[in-house]
Protein backbone atom coordinates (compact mmCIF):
# COMPACT_ATOMS: atom_id res chain seq x y z
CA MET A 1 -27.16 7.77 1.81
CA THR A 2 -23.68 6.82 0.67
CA VAL A 3 -21.00 4.39 1.84
CA TYR A 4 -17.52 5.91 1.54
CA PHE A 5 -14.63 3.48 1.20
CA ILE A 6 -11.81 5.57 2.60
CA GLY A 7 -8.09 4.91 2.33
CA ALA A 8 -6.53 5.71 5.69
CA GLY A 9 -2.95 5.36 4.50
CA PRO A 10 -0.50 3.07 6.27
CA GLY A 11 -1.08 4.27 9.83
CA ASP A 12 0.08 7.85 10.36
CA PRO A 13 -3.08 9.96 10.94
CA GLU A 14 -1.34 12.90 9.24
CA LEU A 15 -1.23 10.93 5.98
CA LEU A 16 -5.04 10.94 5.84
CA THR A 17 -6.13 13.10 2.90
CA LEU A 18 -8.09 16.29 3.51
CA LYS A 19 -11.10 14.79 1.73
CA ALA A 20 -10.93 11.60 3.78
CA ALA A 21 -10.78 13.55 7.06
CA ARG A 22 -13.71 15.74 5.99
CA VAL A 23 -15.88 12.78 5.03
CA ILE A 24 -15.11 10.86 8.23
CA GLY A 25 -16.00 14.03 10.14
CA ASP A 26 -19.38 14.19 8.39
CA CYS A 27 -20.47 10.54 8.72
CA PRO A 28 -22.64 9.46 11.65
CA VAL A 29 -21.42 5.86 11.19
CA CYS A 30 -17.76 4.89 10.96
CA LEU A 31 -16.47 1.35 10.45
CA TYR A 32 -12.70 0.94 10.53
CA ALA A 33 -10.36 -2.03 10.23
CA GLY A 34 -8.79 -1.75 13.68
CA SER A 35 -6.15 -4.42 13.10
CA LEU A 36 -4.53 -2.17 10.47
CA VAL A 37 -5.95 1.30 11.13
CA PRO A 38 -5.03 3.07 14.40
CA PRO A 39 -8.05 4.49 16.28
CA GLN A 40 -6.42 7.94 16.08
CA VAL A 41 -7.20 7.95 12.34
CA VAL A 42 -10.93 8.06 13.07
CA ASP A 43 -10.71 10.53 15.94
CA CYS A 44 -12.17 13.05 13.51
CA ALA A 45 -15.53 11.22 13.53
CA PRO A 46 -18.31 13.53 14.76
CA GLU A 47 -19.38 13.53 18.39
CA GLY A 48 -21.99 10.88 18.98
CA ALA A 49 -21.09 8.88 15.88
CA LEU A 50 -21.27 5.10 15.90
CA VAL A 51 -17.61 4.08 15.58
CA MET A 52 -16.93 0.35 15.29
CA ASP A 53 -13.75 -1.69 14.92
CA THR A 54 -14.52 -4.30 12.27
CA ALA A 55 -11.53 -6.56 13.07
CA PRO A 56 -13.68 -9.12 14.96
CA MET A 57 -16.64 -8.78 12.57
CA THR A 58 -17.59 -10.83 9.51
CA LEU A 59 -18.54 -9.41 6.11
CA ASP A 60 -22.19 -10.11 6.86
CA ASP A 61 -21.83 -8.30 10.22
CA THR A 62 -20.44 -5.14 8.63
CA HIS A 63 -22.98 -5.22 5.83
CA GLY A 64 -25.73 -5.54 8.41
CA VAL A 65 -24.55 -2.32 10.09
CA ILE A 66 -24.45 -0.60 6.69
CA LYS A 67 -27.99 -1.74 5.85
CA ALA A 68 -29.23 -0.43 9.19
CA ALA A 69 -27.55 2.93 8.47
CA HIS A 70 -29.09 2.93 5.00
CA ALA A 71 -32.55 2.46 6.50
CA LYS A 72 -31.94 5.57 8.64
CA GLY A 73 -30.46 7.59 5.78
CA GLN A 74 -27.05 7.77 7.49
CA ASP A 75 -23.82 7.99 5.52
CA VAL A 76 -21.13 5.45 6.42
CA ALA A 77 -17.36 5.92 6.47
CA ARG A 78 -15.81 2.51 5.76
CA VAL A 79 -12.16 3.09 6.59
CA HIS A 80 -9.48 0.76 5.24
CA SER A 81 -5.70 0.82 5.56
CA GLY A 82 -3.52 2.06 2.72
CA ASP A 83 -5.46 2.52 -0.50
CA PRO A 84 -8.79 0.64 -0.71
CA SER A 85 -8.09 -0.51 -4.27
CA LEU A 86 -5.08 -2.58 -3.14
CA TYR A 87 -5.90 -5.68 -1.07
CA GLY A 88 -8.74 -3.75 0.56
CA ALA A 89 -11.32 -6.55 0.15
CA ILE A 90 -13.80 -3.95 -1.05
CA ALA A 91 -14.96 -5.85 -4.15
CA GLU A 92 -17.15 -8.22 -2.14
CA GLN A 93 -18.52 -5.32 -0.13
CA ILE A 94 -19.35 -3.42 -3.31
CA ARG A 95 -21.10 -6.50 -4.70
CA ARG A 96 -23.44 -6.52 -1.70
CA LEU A 97 -24.02 -2.77 -1.90
CA ARG A 98 -24.96 -3.01 -5.57
CA ALA A 99 -27.30 -5.89 -4.87
CA ASP A 100 -29.07 -3.79 -2.23
CA GLY A 101 -29.07 -0.59 -4.28
CA ILE A 102 -26.81 1.31 -1.89
CA ASP A 103 -24.62 4.07 -3.30
CA TYR A 104 -20.89 4.13 -2.63
CA GLN A 105 -17.78 6.15 -3.39
CA ILE A 106 -14.07 5.38 -3.05
CA ILE A 107 -11.62 7.88 -1.59
CA PRO A 108 -8.00 6.90 -2.27
CA GLY A 109 -5.28 6.74 0.35
CA VAL A 110 -1.50 6.52 0.55
CA PRO A 111 -0.39 2.93 -0.17
CA ALA A 112 2.21 1.25 2.05
CA TYR A 113 4.87 0.99 -0.65
CA ALA A 114 4.74 4.76 -1.28
CA ALA A 115 4.88 5.56 2.44
CA ALA A 116 7.80 3.15 2.84
CA ALA A 117 9.73 4.80 0.00
CA ALA A 118 9.11 8.21 1.56
CA ALA A 119 10.32 7.04 4.97
CA LEU A 120 13.40 5.53 3.34
CA GLY A 121 14.04 8.82 1.58
CA GLN A 122 14.31 7.48 -1.93
CA GLU A 123 12.78 7.18 -5.37
CA LEU A 124 11.64 3.78 -6.62
CA THR A 125 11.91 4.62 -10.33
CA VAL A 126 15.49 5.73 -10.94
CA PRO A 127 16.31 6.17 -14.65
CA GLU A 128 17.94 3.13 -16.25
CA VAL A 129 18.01 1.35 -12.86
CA ALA A 130 14.33 0.59 -12.20
CA GLN A 131 11.21 1.83 -13.96
CA SER A 132 8.63 -0.78 -12.95
CA ILE A 133 7.09 -1.85 -9.65
CA VAL A 134 5.10 -5.05 -9.23
CA LEU A 135 2.61 -5.05 -6.37
CA THR A 136 1.85 -8.62 -5.43
CA ARG A 137 1.41 -11.02 -2.55
CA VAL A 138 1.91 -14.66 -1.66
CA SER A 139 -1.07 -16.88 -1.02
CA MET A 140 -0.20 -18.83 2.15
CA LYS A 141 -3.49 -18.82 4.12
CA SER A 142 -5.15 -16.23 1.85
CA THR A 143 -7.05 -16.94 -1.34
CA SER A 144 -5.01 -18.57 -4.10
CA MET A 145 -3.21 -16.49 -6.71
CA PRO A 146 -4.54 -16.36 -10.29
CA GLU A 147 -2.82 -18.63 -12.78
CA GLY A 148 0.34 -17.03 -14.11
CA GLU A 149 0.66 -14.49 -11.30
CA THR A 150 3.64 -16.15 -9.68
CA LEU A 151 6.75 -14.72 -8.06
CA GLU A 152 8.84 -16.60 -10.61
CA ASN A 153 7.02 -14.97 -13.53
CA PHE A 154 7.38 -11.53 -12.00
CA ALA A 155 11.03 -12.20 -11.19
CA ARG A 156 11.76 -12.83 -14.86
CA THR A 157 11.05 -9.14 -15.53
CA GLY A 158 13.67 -7.94 -13.03
CA ALA A 159 11.21 -5.31 -11.79
CA THR A 160 11.16 -4.00 -8.24
CA LEU A 161 8.77 -6.13 -6.19
CA ALA A 162 6.52 -4.98 -3.35
CA ILE A 163 5.31 -8.20 -1.74
CA HIS A 164 2.41 -8.14 0.71
CA LEU A 165 1.46 -10.83 3.22
CA GLY A 166 4.73 -12.67 2.79
CA VAL A 167 6.90 -12.01 5.83
CA ARG A 168 6.28 -15.54 7.15
CA ASN A 169 7.33 -16.97 3.82
CA LEU A 170 10.73 -15.35 3.38
CA ARG A 171 12.52 -18.67 2.87
CA GLU A 172 10.33 -19.47 -0.13
CA ILE A 173 10.63 -15.91 -1.46
CA HIS A 174 14.42 -16.23 -1.26
CA ARG A 175 14.34 -19.62 -3.00
CA VAL A 176 12.26 -18.32 -5.90
CA LEU A 177 13.88 -14.92 -6.40
CA ALA A 178 17.58 -15.58 -5.83
CA PRO A 179 18.17 -17.26 -9.23
CA TYR A 180 16.87 -14.13 -10.97
CA TYR A 181 17.96 -11.26 -8.70
CA GLY A 182 21.04 -12.77 -7.06
CA GLU A 183 21.83 -13.44 -3.41
CA ASP A 184 23.11 -9.89 -2.90
CA CYS A 185 20.00 -8.14 -4.26
CA PRO A 186 18.87 -5.44 -1.80
CA VAL A 187 15.75 -6.12 0.26
CA VAL A 188 13.84 -3.89 2.68
CA VAL A 189 11.23 -5.26 5.05
CA ALA A 190 8.99 -2.40 6.15
CA TYR A 191 7.18 -3.17 9.39
CA ARG A 192 4.07 -1.21 10.43
CA VAL A 193 4.87 1.75 8.21
CA GLY A 194 3.48 4.98 9.62
CA TRP A 195 2.90 3.61 13.11
CA PRO A 196 4.94 4.84 16.11
CA ASP A 197 6.84 1.52 16.21
CA GLN A 198 7.60 1.36 12.48
CA MET A 199 10.81 -0.44 11.58
CA PHE A 200 12.82 -0.89 8.39
CA ILE A 201 15.12 -3.87 8.09
CA ARG A 202 17.66 -3.68 5.28
CA GLY A 203 19.40 -6.71 3.95
CA THR A 204 19.82 -8.90 0.91
CA LEU A 205 17.92 -11.88 -0.42
CA GLY A 206 20.63 -13.99 1.17
CA ASP A 207 20.40 -12.65 4.72
CA ILE A 208 17.01 -10.94 5.15
CA HIS A 209 15.27 -13.99 6.62
CA ALA A 210 17.73 -14.20 9.52
CA LYS A 211 17.49 -10.46 10.18
CA VAL A 212 13.68 -10.48 10.22
CA ARG A 213 13.60 -13.58 12.40
CA ALA A 214 15.92 -11.89 14.89
CA GLU A 215 13.43 -9.02 15.19
CA LYS A 216 10.55 -11.52 15.64
CA ILE A 217 8.42 -9.90 12.92
CA THR A 218 5.61 -12.17 11.76
CA ARG A 219 2.93 -9.85 10.35
CA THR A 220 2.06 -6.34 9.12
CA ALA A 221 5.17 -6.07 6.98
CA LEU A 222 5.84 -5.22 3.35
CA ILE A 223 8.77 -6.87 1.55
CA MET A 224 10.46 -4.76 -1.11
CA VAL A 225 13.00 -6.37 -3.45
CA GLY A 226 15.10 -4.73 -6.15
CA LYS A 227 18.45 -3.16 -6.98
CA VAL A 228 16.96 0.34 -6.72
CA LEU A 229 16.85 -0.20 -2.94
CA GLY A 230 20.63 -0.29 -2.72
CA GLU A 231 23.14 2.55 -2.53
CA ILE A 232 23.03 4.02 -6.02
CA SER A 233 24.80 7.21 -7.06
CA ASP A 234 25.96 6.52 -10.61
CA PHE A 235 22.81 6.77 -12.69
CA THR A 236 21.56 8.69 -15.72
CA GLU A 237 19.59 11.82 -14.94
CA SER A 238 16.03 12.09 -16.20
CA ALA A 239 15.42 13.78 -19.54
CA LEU A 240 12.53 15.65 -17.94
CA TYR A 241 14.77 18.49 -16.74
CA ASP A 242 17.59 18.12 -19.24
CA PRO A 243 18.08 21.54 -20.88
CA ALA A 244 19.15 19.81 -24.10
CA VAL A 245 15.87 17.91 -24.38
CA PRO A 246 12.91 20.08 -25.46
CA HIS A 247 9.32 19.10 -24.70
CA VAL A 248 5.86 20.63 -25.01
CA LEU A 249 6.35 23.01 -22.07
CA ARG A 250 9.98 23.74 -22.95
CA PRO A 251 9.94 23.64 -26.75
CA LYS A 252 13.49 24.89 -27.28
CA ALA A 253 16.78 23.63 -25.91
CA SER A 254 18.44 26.22 -23.71
CA ALA A 255 21.38 28.25 -24.95
CA LYS A 256 23.48 26.93 -22.08
CA ALA A 257 22.87 23.36 -23.26
CA SER A 258 23.67 24.30 -26.86
CA ALA A 259 26.96 26.03 -25.96
């Protein structure tokens, strides 16, 4: 018996990986986080499977279902939004599984920031514009952040930020980031990426709070901050495909580049 922590992606059932869909289709027990995972994602569960929305359940509740499945020798699909390794709250589940001697595997999924970039039709690592992405969150009502992992410290790097769980704290985000990124730094708030009602609000650090408030968005949104999110056309092309730059798979510069 195995518990499979499965990344469902941000919401679009077609972003479920082939492996994830196969495993869900093989498991007689399926637990999914219904507040973030649409029921259509687990429609591939086998006929007669026990399919439960864990949104109203506690950790002890879900672990109790897993232990019951373990006693029957039934595999469990534990379906989380995005990628389970990012804010998936799987560490505490794994701790209980290890304590009870229950095997588990993790199947990755498409994270929200990647799905948002795809929907926006852009790259997040443009040469000499942005080469780093910080995935972080704000604490608010969640657990506190580790010492040193502050927005101000991340802002000092100038990296692109992907901020989770912060849409209700945009005023504070603006206050902390503006001195480092500037009032006109591009911001995108990605709401319910991959769902039928997904929405992308573009703005700047200076005006994004008003725009988000006008749309009445208070949850399920990712905040992306960085100059790479703006209209950029004048940038250096990557050396990866530069005919004048040889590498292990293209050991010689092309004649065209040498001419």
